[in-house]
C-alpha atoms as a PDB file:
ATOM      1  CA  MET A   1     101.245  24.694 -13.224  1.00  0.00           C
ATOM      2  CA  VAL A   2      99.780  27.465 -10.806  1.00  0.00           C
ATOM      3  CA  LEU A   3     100.838  25.978  -8.100  1.00  0.00           C
ATOM      4  CA  LYS A   4     104.406  25.910  -9.219  1.00  0.00           C
ATOM      5  CA  THR A   5     104.477  29.238 -10.629  1.00  0.00           C
ATOM      6  CA  LEU A   6     103.106  30.322  -6.913  1.00  0.00           C
ATOM      7  CA  ARG A   7     106.037  28.272  -5.264  1.00  0.00           C
ATOM      8  CA  ARG A   8     108.627  30.452  -7.947  1.00  0.00           C
ATOM      9  CA  SER A   9     107.240  33.648  -7.507  1.00  0.00           C
ATOM     10  CA  LYS A  10     106.186  34.026  -3.516  1.00  0.00           C
ATOM     11  CA  LYS A  11     109.229  35.586  -2.291  1.00  0.00           C
ATOM     12  CA  LYS A  12     109.493  38.366  -5.056  1.00  0.00           C
ATOM     13  CA  LEU A  13     105.686  38.859  -4.217  1.00  0.00           C
ATOM     14  CA  LEU A  14     105.775  39.210  -0.847  1.00  0.00           C
ATOM     15  CA  ALA A  15     108.806  41.642  -1.143  1.00  0.00           C
ATOM     16  CA  LEU A  16     106.268  43.969  -2.231  1.00  0.00           C
ATOM     17  CA  ASP A  17     105.444  46.893   0.322  1.00  0.00           C
ATOM     18  CA  ASN A  18     101.478  46.405  -0.432  1.00  0.00           C
ATOM     19  CA  VAL A  19     101.457  42.473  -0.348  1.00  0.00           C
ATOM     20  CA  ILE A  20     100.991  40.502   3.028  1.00  0.00           C
ATOM     21  CA  GLY A  21     100.081  37.455   1.621  1.00  0.00           C
ATOM     22  CA  VAL A  22      99.784  34.933  -1.733  1.00  0.00           C
ATOM     23  CA  GLY A  23      97.767  31.674  -2.703  1.00  0.00           C
ATOM     24  CA  VAL A  24      95.834  29.659  -5.078  1.00  0.00           C
ATOM     25  CA  GLY A  25      92.174  30.317  -5.984  1.00  0.00           C
ATOM     26  CA  TYR A  26      89.942  31.278  -8.189  1.00  0.00           C
ATOM     27  CA  LYS A  27      89.966  34.743 -10.308  1.00  0.00           C
ATOM     28  CA  GLU A  28      87.113  37.023  -9.981  1.00  0.00           C
ATOM     29  CA  VAL A  29      86.010  39.495 -12.167  1.00  0.00           C
ATOM     30  CA  SER A  30      83.493  42.268 -11.177  1.00  0.00           C
ATOM     31  CA  ASN A  31      83.189  40.101  -7.946  1.00  0.00           C
ATOM     32  CA  ARG A  32      82.143  36.499  -9.806  1.00  0.00           C
ATOM     33  CA  ARG A  33      84.118  33.824  -9.741  1.00  0.00           C
ATOM     34  CA  THR A  34      85.271  32.408 -12.999  1.00  0.00           C
ATOM     35  CA  ASP A  35      86.846  29.227 -13.734  1.00  0.00           C
ATOM     36  CA  ASP A  36      90.276  30.215 -14.003  1.00  0.00           C
ATOM     37  CA  VAL A  37      92.585  28.968 -11.117  1.00  0.00           C
ATOM     38  CA  ALA A  38      94.945  32.282 -10.452  1.00  0.00           C
ATOM     39  CA  VAL A  39      98.065  33.105  -7.845  1.00  0.00           C
ATOM     40  CA  LEU A  40      95.804  35.460  -5.621  1.00  0.00           C
ATOM     41  CA  VAL A  41      97.841  38.176  -4.239  1.00  0.00           C
ATOM     42  CA  PHE A  42      96.516  39.591  -0.782  1.00  0.00           C
ATOM     43  CA  VAL A  43      97.086  43.263  -0.194  1.00  0.00           C
ATOM     44  CA  ARG A  44      96.445  45.397   2.846  1.00  0.00           C
ATOM     45  CA  GLU A  45      94.719  48.202   0.768  1.00  0.00           C
ATOM     46  CA  LYS A  46      94.001  47.975  -3.423  1.00  0.00           C
ATOM     47  CA  LYS A  47      95.316  50.738  -5.449  1.00  0.00           C
ATOM     48  CA  ALA A  48      95.005  51.955  -8.917  1.00  0.00           C
ATOM     49  CA  ARG A  49      98.040  51.167 -10.938  1.00  0.00           C
ATOM     50  CA  ARG A  50      99.360  54.723 -11.439  1.00  0.00           C
ATOM     51  CA  ASP A  51      99.521  55.457  -7.876  1.00  0.00           C
ATOM     52  CA  LEU A  52     102.176  52.765  -7.195  1.00  0.00           C
ATOM     53  CA  GLU A  53     105.606  52.547  -8.344  1.00  0.00           C
ATOM     54  CA  LYS A  54     107.071  50.542 -11.085  1.00  0.00           C
ATOM     55  CA  ASP A  55     108.937  48.145  -8.798  1.00  0.00           C
ATOM     56  CA  GLN A  56     105.817  47.755  -6.736  1.00  0.00           C
ATOM     57  CA  VAL A  57     102.979  46.735  -9.222  1.00  0.00           C
ATOM     58  CA  VAL A  58     102.142  43.290  -8.924  1.00  0.00           C
ATOM     59  CA  PRO A  59     102.046  41.895 -12.715  1.00  0.00           C
ATOM     60  CA  ARG A  60      98.895  40.970 -14.552  1.00  0.00           C
ATOM     61  CA  LYS A  61     100.365  37.507 -15.408  1.00  0.00           C
ATOM     62  CA  ILE A  62     103.102  35.674 -13.962  1.00  0.00           C
ATOM     63  CA  GLY A  63     104.479  33.563 -17.284  1.00  0.00           C
ATOM     64  CA  SER A  64     101.014  32.331 -18.667  1.00  0.00           C
ATOM     65  CA  VAL A  65      99.199  32.144 -14.932  1.00  0.00           C
ATOM     66  CA  ALA A  66      96.939  34.951 -14.303  1.00  0.00           C
ATOM     67  CA  THR A  67      96.907  37.034 -10.809  1.00  0.00           C
ATOM     68  CA  ASP A  68      94.290  38.236  -9.047  1.00  0.00           C
ATOM     69  CA  VAL A  69      95.077  41.126  -6.441  1.00  0.00           C
ATOM     70  CA  ILE A  70      92.483  41.189  -3.548  1.00  0.00           C
ATOM     71  CA  GLU A  71      92.286  43.713  -0.907  1.00  0.00           C
ATOM     72  CA  ILE A  72      92.034  41.882   2.585  1.00  0.00           C
ATOM     73  CA  GLY A  73      93.360  44.708   4.839  1.00  0.00           C
ATOM     74  CA  GLU A  74      95.308  43.655   8.143  1.00  0.00           C
ATOM     75  CA  VAL A  75      95.404  40.321   9.371  1.00  0.00           C
ATOM     76  CA  ARG A  76      96.127  39.860  12.942  1.00  0.00           C
ATOM     77  CA  PHE A  77      95.242  37.239  15.718  1.00  0.00           C
ATOM     78  CA  LEU A  78      91.648  37.392  16.502  1.00  0.00           C
ATOM     79  CA  GLN A  79      91.095  38.665  20.286  1.00  0.00           C
ATOM     80  CA  ARG A  80      88.139  37.095  22.074  1.00  0.00           C
ATOM     81  CA  THR A  81      87.535  40.565  24.043  1.00  0.00           C
ATOM     82  CA  GLU A  82      87.800  43.007  20.843  1.00  0.00           C
ATOM     83  CA  LYS A  83      85.044  43.892  18.454  1.00  0.00           C
ATOM     84  CA  ALA A  84      85.068  41.701  15.472  1.00  0.00           C
ATOM     85  CA  ARG A  85      82.496  41.914  12.457  1.00  0.00           C
ATOM     86  CA  PRO A  86      81.767  39.168  11.897  1.00  0.00           C
ATOM     87  CA  ALA A  87      81.565  38.115  15.441  1.00  0.00           C
ATOM     88  CA  GLN A  88      82.154  34.446  16.275  1.00  0.00           C
ATOM     89  CA  PRO A  89      80.876  32.188  19.127  1.00  0.00           C
ATOM     90  CA  GLY A  90      83.767  32.439  21.885  1.00  0.00           C
ATOM     91  CA  MET A  91      84.293  35.961  21.784  1.00  0.00           C
ATOM     92  CA  SER A  92      83.045  38.535  24.457  1.00  0.00           C
ATOM     93  CA  ILE A  93      79.304  39.695  24.165  1.00  0.00           C
ATOM     94  CA  GLY A  94      76.816  41.200  26.776  1.00  0.00           C
ATOM     95  CA  HIS A  95      73.560  43.328  27.371  1.00  0.00           C
ATOM     96  CA  TYR A  96      74.110  46.866  27.937  1.00  0.00           C
ATOM     97  CA  ALA A  97      74.132  46.798  31.618  1.00  0.00           C
ATOM     98  CA  VAL A  98      75.709  43.963  32.126  1.00  0.00           C
ATOM     99  CA  SER A  99      79.892  43.428  32.108  1.00  0.00           C
ATOM    100  CA  ALA A 100      80.729  40.683  29.447  1.00  0.00           C
ATOM    101  CA  GLY A 101      79.900  37.027  28.885  1.00  0.00           C
ATOM    102  CA  THR A 102      80.354  34.640  26.094  1.00  0.00           C
ATOM    103  CA  PHE A 103      78.839  34.587  22.408  1.00  0.00           C
ATOM    104  CA  GLY A 104      77.707  31.145  22.759  1.00  0.00           C
ATOM    105  CA  ALA A 105      76.089  29.710  19.243  1.00  0.00           C
ATOM    106  CA  VAL A 106      74.924  31.059  16.099  1.00  0.00           C
ATOM    107  CA  VAL A 107      71.282  29.277  16.125  1.00  0.00           C
ATOM    108  CA  LYS A 108      67.977  29.372  14.721  1.00  0.00           C
ATOM    109  CA  ASP A 109      64.284  29.949  15.517  1.00  0.00           C
ATOM    110  CA  LYS A 110      62.725  26.582  15.062  1.00  0.00           C
ATOM    111  CA  HIS A 111      59.605  27.552  13.497  1.00  0.00           C
ATOM    112  CA  THR A 112      60.790  31.081  11.207  1.00  0.00           C
ATOM    113  CA  LYS A 113      64.491  29.722  10.662  1.00  0.00           C
ATOM    114  CA  GLU A 114      65.757  33.328  11.678  1.00  0.00           C
ATOM    115  CA  VAL A 115      69.435  33.212  12.557  1.00  0.00           C
ATOM    116  CA  LEU A 116      69.959  33.924  16.374  1.00  0.00           C
ATOM    117  CA  ILE A 117      72.725  34.705  19.278  1.00  0.00           C
ATOM    118  CA  LEU A 118      72.514  32.132  21.988  1.00  0.00           C
ATOM    119  CA  SER A 119      74.035  32.842  25.438  1.00  0.00           C
ATOM    120  CA  ASN A 120      72.993  33.116  29.058  1.00  0.00           C
ATOM    121  CA  ASN A 121      69.887  35.204  30.472  1.00  0.00           C
ATOM    122  CA  HIS A 122      72.441  36.538  32.878  1.00  0.00           C
ATOM    123  CA  VAL A 123      74.582  37.665  29.584  1.00  0.00           C
ATOM    124  CA  LEU A 124      71.883  38.748  27.112  1.00  0.00           C
ATOM    125  CA  ALA A 125      69.361  39.776  29.567  1.00  0.00           C
ATOM    126  CA  ASN A 126      70.619  40.808  32.862  1.00  0.00           C
ATOM    127  CA  ALA A 127      69.878  37.821  34.826  1.00  0.00           C
ATOM    128  CA  THR A 128      65.953  38.924  34.678  1.00  0.00           C
ATOM    129  CA  SER A 129      63.090  36.791  36.126  1.00  0.00           C
ATOM    130  CA  GLY A 130      61.027  38.666  33.391  1.00  0.00           C
ATOM    131  CA  SER A 131      59.077  40.421  36.323  1.00  0.00           C
ATOM    132  CA  ASP A 132      62.128  42.326  37.813  1.00  0.00           C
ATOM    133  CA  GLY A 133      62.631  45.284  35.274  1.00  0.00           C
ATOM    134  CA  ARG A 134      65.967  44.428  34.526  1.00  0.00           C
ATOM    135  CA  ALA A 135      65.524  43.825  30.948  1.00  0.00           C
ATOM    136  CA  LYS A 136      63.434  43.833  28.356  1.00  0.00           C
ATOM    137  CA  ILE A 137      62.712  42.671  24.788  1.00  0.00           C
ATOM    138  CA  GLY A 138      64.807  44.710  22.510  1.00  0.00           C
ATOM    139  CA  ASP A 139      67.026  45.579  24.639  1.00  0.00           C
ATOM    140  CA  PRO A 140      70.575  46.159  22.757  1.00  0.00           C
ATOM    141  CA  VAL A 141      73.130  43.567  23.175  1.00  0.00           C
ATOM    142  CA  PHE A 142      77.147  44.856  22.605  1.00  0.00           C
ATOM    143  CA  GLN A 143      80.129  43.017  21.219  1.00  0.00           C
ATOM    144  CA  PRO A 144      82.314  42.947  22.624  1.00  0.00           C
ATOM    145  CA  GLY A 145      80.154  43.250  26.118  1.00  0.00           C
ATOM    146  CA  PRO A 146      80.642  46.548  28.211  1.00  0.00           C
ATOM    147  CA  TYR A 147      83.469  45.302  30.587  1.00  0.00           C
ATOM    148  CA  ASP A 148      85.897  44.884  27.166  1.00  0.00           C
ATOM    149  CA  GLY A 149      84.454  48.293  26.059  1.00  0.00           C
ATOM    150  CA  GLY A 150      81.270  47.720  24.222  1.00  0.00           C
ATOM    151  CA  SER A 151      79.295  50.550  23.572  1.00  0.00           C
ATOM    152  CA  LYS A 152      76.342  51.826  21.865  1.00  0.00           C
ATOM    153  CA  GLU A 153      78.363  51.756  18.933  1.00  0.00           C
ATOM    154  CA  ASP A 154      78.967  48.280  19.126  1.00  0.00           C
ATOM    155  CA  VAL A 155      75.261  46.888  19.222  1.00  0.00           C
ATOM    156  CA  ILE A 156      75.528  43.451  17.225  1.00  0.00           C
ATOM    157  CA  GLY A 157      71.857  42.725  18.074  1.00  0.00           C
ATOM    158  CA  TYR A 158      68.785  43.356  20.551  1.00  0.00           C
ATOM    159  CA  LEU A 159      67.210  40.603  23.111  1.00  0.00           C
ATOM    160  CA  GLU A 160      64.651  38.346  21.274  1.00  0.00           C
ATOM    161  CA  ARG A 161      63.522  36.228  24.032  1.00  0.00           C
ATOM    162  CA  PHE A 162      64.705  34.576  27.188  1.00  0.00           C
ATOM    163  CA  THR A 163      64.025  32.017  29.935  1.00  0.00           C
ATOM    164  CA  PRO A 164      63.276  33.755  33.280  1.00  0.00           C
ATOM    165  CA  VAL A 165      65.777  33.012  36.025  1.00  0.00           C
ATOM    166  CA  VAL A 166      63.749  32.988  39.245  1.00  0.00           C
ATOM    167  CA  PRO A 167      66.136  33.559  42.718  1.00  0.00           C
ATOM    168  CA  MET A 168      64.918  31.300  45.741  1.00  0.00           C
ATOM    169  CA  VAL A 169      63.578  34.218  47.506  1.00  0.00           C
ATOM    170  CA  THR A 170      62.182  37.448  46.148  1.00  0.00           C
ATOM    171  CA  GLU A 171      60.526  40.721  47.514  1.00  0.00           C
ATOM    172  CA  ALA A 172      57.036  40.004  48.509  1.00  0.00           C
ATOM    173  CA  GLU A 173      54.312  42.254  46.620  1.00  0.00           C
ATOM    174  CA  CYS A 174      50.783  41.089  46.990  1.00  0.00           C
ATOM    175  CA  PRO A 175      48.824  44.016  48.765  1.00  0.00           C
ATOM    176  CA  VAL A 176      48.620  42.358  51.915  1.00  0.00           C
ATOM    177  CA  ALA A 177      52.591  42.137  52.121  1.00  0.00           C
ATOM    178  CA  ALA A 178      53.128  45.992  50.608  1.00  0.00           C
ATOM    179  CA  ALA A 179      50.603  47.210  53.529  1.00  0.00           C
ATOM    180  CA  ALA A 180      52.707  45.341  56.229  1.00  0.00           C
ATOM    181  CA  THR A 181      55.650  46.866  54.643  1.00  0.00           C
ATOM    182  CA  VAL A 182      54.500  50.210  54.896  1.00  0.00           C
ATOM    183  CA  ALA A 183      53.325  50.099  58.224  1.00  0.00           C
ATOM    184  CA  ALA A 184      56.171  48.342  59.494  1.00  0.00           C
ATOM    185  CA  ASN A 185      58.655  51.171  57.966  1.00  0.00           C
ATOM    186  CA  ALA A 186      56.792  53.648  59.552  1.00  0.00           C
ATOM    187  CA  ALA A 187      57.382  52.448  62.763  1.00  0.00           C
ATOM    188  CA  VAL A 188      61.326  51.511  62.388  1.00  0.00           C
ATOM    189  CA  ARG A 189      61.722  55.137  61.269  1.00  0.00           C
ATOM    190  CA  ILE A 190      60.943  56.220  64.622  1.00  0.00           C
ATOM    191  CA  ILE A 191      62.955  53.729  66.080  1.00  0.00           C
ATOM    192  CA  ARG A 192      65.909  53.415  63.925  1.00  0.00           C
ATOM    193  CA  PRO A 193      65.917  55.966  61.274  1.00  0.00           C
ATOM    194  CA  GLY A 194      67.738  55.189  58.003  1.00  0.00           C
ATOM    195  CA  TYR A 195      66.712  51.686  58.270  1.00  0.00           C
ATOM    196  CA  ARG A 196      63.970  49.869  56.494  1.00  0.00           C
ATOM    197  CA  VAL A 197      61.974  46.616  56.524  1.00  0.00           C
ATOM    198  CA  ARG A 198      61.515  44.305  53.446  1.00  0.00           C
ATOM    199  CA  LEU A 199      59.212  41.295  53.506  1.00  0.00           C
ATOM    200  CA  GLU A 200      60.460  38.616  51.319  1.00  0.00           C
ATOM    201  CA  LYS A 201      58.707  35.242  50.100  1.00  0.00           C
ATOM    202  CA  GLU A 202      60.526  31.736  49.190  1.00  0.00           C
ATOM    203  CA  THR A 203      59.630  31.231  45.519  1.00  0.00           C
ATOM    204  CA  ARG A 204      60.078  27.475  45.429  1.00  0.00           C
ATOM    205  CA  ARG A 205      60.896  27.535  41.989  1.00  0.00           C
ATOM    206  CA  GLU A 206      63.393  25.296  40.538  1.00  0.00           C
ATOM    207  CA  ASN A 207      65.294  26.705  36.835  1.00  0.00           C
ATOM    208  CA  LEU A 208      66.088  23.946  34.351  1.00  0.00           C
ATOM    209  CA  VAL A 209      68.376  26.756  32.548  1.00  0.00           C
ATOM    210  CA  ASP A 210      69.761  30.120  32.228  1.00  0.00           C
ATOM    211  CA  ALA A 211      69.452  30.774  28.567  1.00  0.00           C
ATOM    212  CA  ALA A 212      68.365  33.971  26.118  1.00  0.00           C
ATOM    213  CA  VAL A 213      68.909  34.775  22.115  1.00  0.00           C
ATOM    214  CA  ALA A 214      69.364  38.224  20.700  1.00  0.00           C
ATOM    215  CA  ARG A 215      68.481  38.756  16.962  1.00  0.00           C
ATOM    216  CA  PRO A 216      71.484  40.183  15.149  1.00  0.00           C
ATOM    217  CA  VAL A 217      71.222  43.513  13.399  1.00  0.00           C
ATOM    218  CA  ARG A 218      72.048  41.914  10.424  1.00  0.00           C
ATOM    219  CA  PRO A 219      72.840  38.380   9.796  1.00  0.00           C
ATOM    220  CA  ASN A 220      76.416  39.098   8.131  1.00  0.00           C
ATOM    221  CA  LEU A 221      77.386  40.353  11.487  1.00  0.00           C
ATOM    222  CA  ILE A 222      77.861  36.902  12.665  1.00  0.00           C
ATOM    223  CA  ARG A 223      79.607  33.585  11.693  1.00  0.00           C
ATOM    224  CA  PRO A 224      78.484  30.102  12.962  1.00  0.00           C
ATOM    225  CA  GLU A 225      82.089  28.542  13.694  1.00  0.00           C
ATOM    226  CA  ILE A 226      83.591  28.443  17.076  1.00  0.00           C
ATOM    227  CA  LEU A 227      86.652  30.460  17.557  1.00  0.00           C
ATOM    228  CA  GLU A 228      89.139  27.795  17.910  1.00  0.00           C
ATOM    229  CA  LEU A 229      86.879  24.798  17.733  1.00  0.00           C
ATOM    230  CA  GLY A 230      85.039  25.331  14.524  1.00  0.00           C
ATOM    231  CA  GLU A 231      81.922  24.542  13.306  1.00  0.00           C
ATOM    232  CA  VAL A 232      79.357  22.523  15.538  1.00  0.00           C
ATOM    233  CA  LYS A 233      77.973  19.038  14.333  1.00  0.00           C
ATOM    234  CA  GLY A 234      74.620  18.717  15.476  1.00  0.00           C
ATOM    235  CA  THR A 235      73.893  17.957  19.344  1.00  0.00           C
ATOM    236  CA  ALA A 236      74.189  15.279  21.672  1.00  0.00           C
ATOM    237  CA  LYS A 237      72.829  13.633  24.996  1.00  0.00           C
ATOM    238  CA  ALA A 238      75.400  14.757  28.217  1.00  0.00           C
ATOM    239  CA  GLU A 239      76.759  11.363  29.631  1.00  0.00           C
ATOM    240  CA  LEU A 240      79.060  10.472  32.587  1.00  0.00           C
ATOM    241  CA  GLY A 241      82.439  10.362  31.785  1.00  0.00           C
ATOM    242  CA  MET A 242      81.867  12.073  28.723  1.00  0.00           C
ATOM    243  CA  VAL A 243      85.000  14.410  27.250  1.00  0.00           C
ATOM    244  CA  VAL A 244      83.562  17.906  26.862  1.00  0.00           C
ATOM    245  CA  ARG A 245      85.041  21.276  25.981  1.00  0.00           C
ATOM    246  CA  LYS A 246      84.380  24.814  25.506  1.00  0.00           C
ATOM    247  CA  SER A 247      85.599  28.022  24.273  1.00  0.00           C
ATOM    248  CA  GLY A 248      84.955  31.232  26.078  1.00  0.00           C
ATOM    249  CA  ARG A 249      85.771  34.511  26.271  1.00  0.00           C
ATOM    250  CA  THR A 250      88.186  34.368  29.609  1.00  0.00           C
ATOM    251  CA  THR A 251      89.991  31.397  29.610  1.00  0.00           C
ATOM    252  CA  GLY A 252      89.416  30.576  25.609  1.00  0.00           C
ATOM    253  CA  VAL A 253      89.449  26.644  24.896  1.00  0.00           C
ATOM    254  CA  THR A 254      89.350  23.897  27.696  1.00  0.00           C
ATOM    255  CA  GLU A 255      88.054  20.315  28.335  1.00  0.00           C
ATOM    256  CA  GLY A 256      87.346  18.170  31.150  1.00  0.00           C
ATOM    257  CA  ILE A 257      85.384  15.417  32.034  1.00  0.00           C
ATOM    258  CA  VAL A 258      81.543  14.987  33.194  1.00  0.00           C
ATOM    259  CA  LYS A 259      81.850  14.258  36.626  1.00  0.00           C
ATOM    260  CA  ALA A 260      77.803  14.202  37.810  1.00  0.00           C
ATOM    261  CA  LEU A 261      74.321  14.348  35.956  1.00  0.00           C
ATOM    262  CA  HIS A 262      70.685  15.154  37.473  1.00  0.00           C
ATOM    263  CA  VAL A 263      72.238  17.993  39.344  1.00  0.00           C
ATOM    264  CA  ASN A 264      70.131  19.997  41.653  1.00  0.00           C
ATOM    265  CA  LEU A 265      72.436  23.071  42.696  1.00  0.00           C
ATOM    266  CA  LYS A 266      72.138  26.282  44.710  1.00  0.00           C
ATOM    267  CA  VAL A 267      73.699  28.906  42.277  1.00  0.00           C
ATOM    268  CA  ASN A 268      75.035  32.689  43.594  1.00  0.00           C
ATOM    269  CA  MET A 269      73.517  34.983  41.128  1.00  0.00           C
ATOM    270  CA  GLY A 270      75.336  37.675  42.810  1.00  0.00           C
ATOM    271  CA  ASN A 271      75.257  39.872  46.395  1.00  0.00           C
ATOM    272  CA  ASP A 272      74.419  36.274  47.848  1.00  0.00           C
ATOM    273  CA  VAL A 273      71.147  36.075  46.316  1.00  0.00           C
ATOM    274  CA  TYR A 274      70.354  32.450  45.161  1.00  0.00           C
ATOM    275  CA  ALA A 275      68.805  30.696  42.533  1.00  0.00           C
ATOM    276  CA  MET A 276      67.878  26.964  42.425  1.00  0.00           C
ATOM    277  CA  PHE A 277      68.812  24.737  39.431  1.00  0.00           C
ATOM    278  CA  ASP A 278      67.694  21.625  38.517  1.00  0.00           C
ATOM    279  CA  ASP A 279      68.874  18.711  36.356  1.00  0.00           C
ATOM    280  CA  GLN A 280      72.061  19.956  35.845  1.00  0.00           C
ATOM    281  CA  VAL A 281      75.551  18.965  34.627  1.00  0.00           C
ATOM    282  CA  ILE A 282      78.721  19.193  36.806  1.00  0.00           C
ATOM    283  CA  THR A 283      82.404  18.897  34.800  1.00  0.00           C
ATOM    284  CA  SER A 284      85.784  19.271  35.608  1.00  0.00           C
ATOM    285  CA  MET A 285      86.522  21.746  32.630  1.00  0.00           C
ATOM    286  CA  ASP A 286      87.965  24.871  33.622  1.00  0.00           C
ATOM    287  CA  SER A 287      86.264  27.894  33.548  1.00  0.00           C
ATOM    288  CA  ALA A 288      85.965  31.817  35.303  1.00  0.00           C
ATOM    289  CA  GLY A 289      83.843  34.670  34.827  1.00  0.00           C
ATOM    290  CA  GLY A 290      83.392  35.749  31.460  1.00  0.00           C
ATOM    291  CA  ASP A 291      82.935  32.102  30.099  1.00  0.00           C
ATOM    292  CA  SER A 292      79.477  32.091  30.864  1.00  0.00           C
ATOM    293  CA  GLY A 293      77.627  31.518  27.827  1.00  0.00           C
ATOM    294  CA  SER A 294      80.185  29.267  25.877  1.00  0.00           C
ATOM    295  CA  LEU A 295      78.672  26.322  24.286  1.00  0.00           C
ATOM    296  CA  VAL A 296      79.999  23.022  25.688  1.00  0.00           C
ATOM    297  CA  LEU A 297      80.680  20.583  22.926  1.00  0.00           C
ATOM    298  CA  ASP A 298      81.770  17.056  23.035  1.00  0.00           C
ATOM    299  CA  LYS A 299      84.866  15.533  21.305  1.00  0.00           C
ATOM    300  CA  ASN A 300      83.099  15.430  17.971  1.00  0.00           C
ATOM    301  CA  ASN A 301      81.854  18.687  18.002  1.00  0.00           C
ATOM    302  CA  GLN A 302      78.406  18.052  19.050  1.00  0.00           C
ATOM    303  CA  ALA A 303      76.712  20.535  21.234  1.00  0.00           C
ATOM    304  CA  VAL A 304      75.713  19.088  24.714  1.00  0.00           C
ATOM    305  CA  GLY A 305      75.246  22.213  26.757  1.00  0.00           C
ATOM    306  CA  LEU A 306      75.342  25.645  27.816  1.00  0.00           C
ATOM    307  CA  LEU A 307      77.771  26.810  30.672  1.00  0.00           C
ATOM    308  CA  PHE A 308      76.374  29.215  33.226  1.00  0.00           C
ATOM    309  CA  ALA A 309      78.152  28.938  36.247  1.00  0.00           C
ATOM    310  CA  GLY A 310      80.938  27.647  38.054  1.00  0.00           C
ATOM    311  CA  SER A 311      83.231  27.265  40.893  1.00  0.00           C
ATOM    312  CA  ASP A 312      87.192  27.143  41.718  1.00  0.00           C
ATOM    313  CA  ARG A 313      87.156  23.691  40.820  1.00  0.00           C
ATOM    314  CA  PHE A 314      84.311  23.028  38.930  1.00  0.00           C
ATOM    315  CA  THR A 315      82.139  23.946  36.006  1.00  0.00           C
ATOM    316  CA  VAL A 316      78.314  23.957  35.345  1.00  0.00           C
ATOM    317  CA  PHE A 317      75.928  23.732  32.306  1.00  0.00           C
ATOM    318  CA  ASN A 318      72.678  23.268  31.420  1.00  0.00           C
ATOM    319  CA  HIS A 319      71.405  20.188  29.374  1.00  0.00           C
ATOM    320  CA  LEU A 320      71.344  21.776  25.590  1.00  0.00           C
ATOM    321  CA  ASP A 321      68.194  20.154  24.620  1.00  0.00           C
ATOM    322  CA  HIS A 322      66.682  21.868  27.838  1.00  0.00           C
ATOM    323  CA  VAL A 323      67.979  25.081  26.185  1.00  0.00           C
ATOM    324  CA  MET A 324      66.212  24.513  23.028  1.00  0.00           C
ATOM    325  CA  ASN A 325      62.901  23.570  24.091  1.00  0.00           C
ATOM    326  CA  ALA A 326      62.722  26.395  26.147  1.00  0.00           C
ATOM    327  CA  LEU A 327      63.940  29.208  23.524  1.00  0.00           C
ATOM    328  CA  ASN A 328      62.223  27.094  20.597  1.00  0.00           C
ATOM    329  CA  ILE A 329      65.766  26.981  18.604  1.00  0.00           C
ATOM    330  CA  GLU A 330      67.797  24.452  16.766  1.00  0.00           C
ATOM    331  CA  PHE A 331      71.107  24.100  15.222  1.00  0.00           C
END
């Protein structure tokens, strides 16, 4: 009966100025659900009956069926680069000092079960090695990211922890190197003012993941469903030939095939600074700058990895089990 009533009355209801939608659902009284199924009328702004023209009032009943007026606001397509509360994975996010990346997933701390935001170190922690001063625990994270207009008014969380990303070559910091650098620069200033000498060392460090988590200001500021892909349904291991997909800030939803496993790869972190990554996965899935941090899923919506890098032809992601172990998280 309720559905028939809705079909009969929807044209008239939708013609009201403030009404933007109608449907069927349980009636609520004082924010508590009742057992009565009603015609739900969604309005931009809920107003007192006395403030409405007579012909703009939603009737309390249509025949014998009750109505329930619900304020929904303006409904629009969700933009990946706009501020959203609650924010969803697939949207723009970033440490206050970076441009923007992708909110990858909602995860939980393995021990406390606290809800956390997952993305890359270079998205949430400014590509820090942990000793370079690029980021620290507690730094603010914006949604959207700074490149997309995010500012201190858009803080969605704070950096909780990260796995350091160590470049292949770093500036030497030991006392002997420091003394040698001072002496060398003193000599260089005499011959070539404005030049300086920098001593570097090879780290020989291989990175497994580029990953970090942030603690949301409040859990209700985020929701777990990935934009355009939906709920994550567990985890799986990436395999050769597997069809994978992601939902990213820049290119949206894209799909590809796993082309290579057990990959060792030199990744340009910017300004020709390289980091070596071990046991990575290469896929034909399209991506672009700003997609970093996207969760990679199989065709069953099981999470298999965390996207962190790519070229014009291929996309690279970390195995999800490495990410979960490194950060002590779970789905």
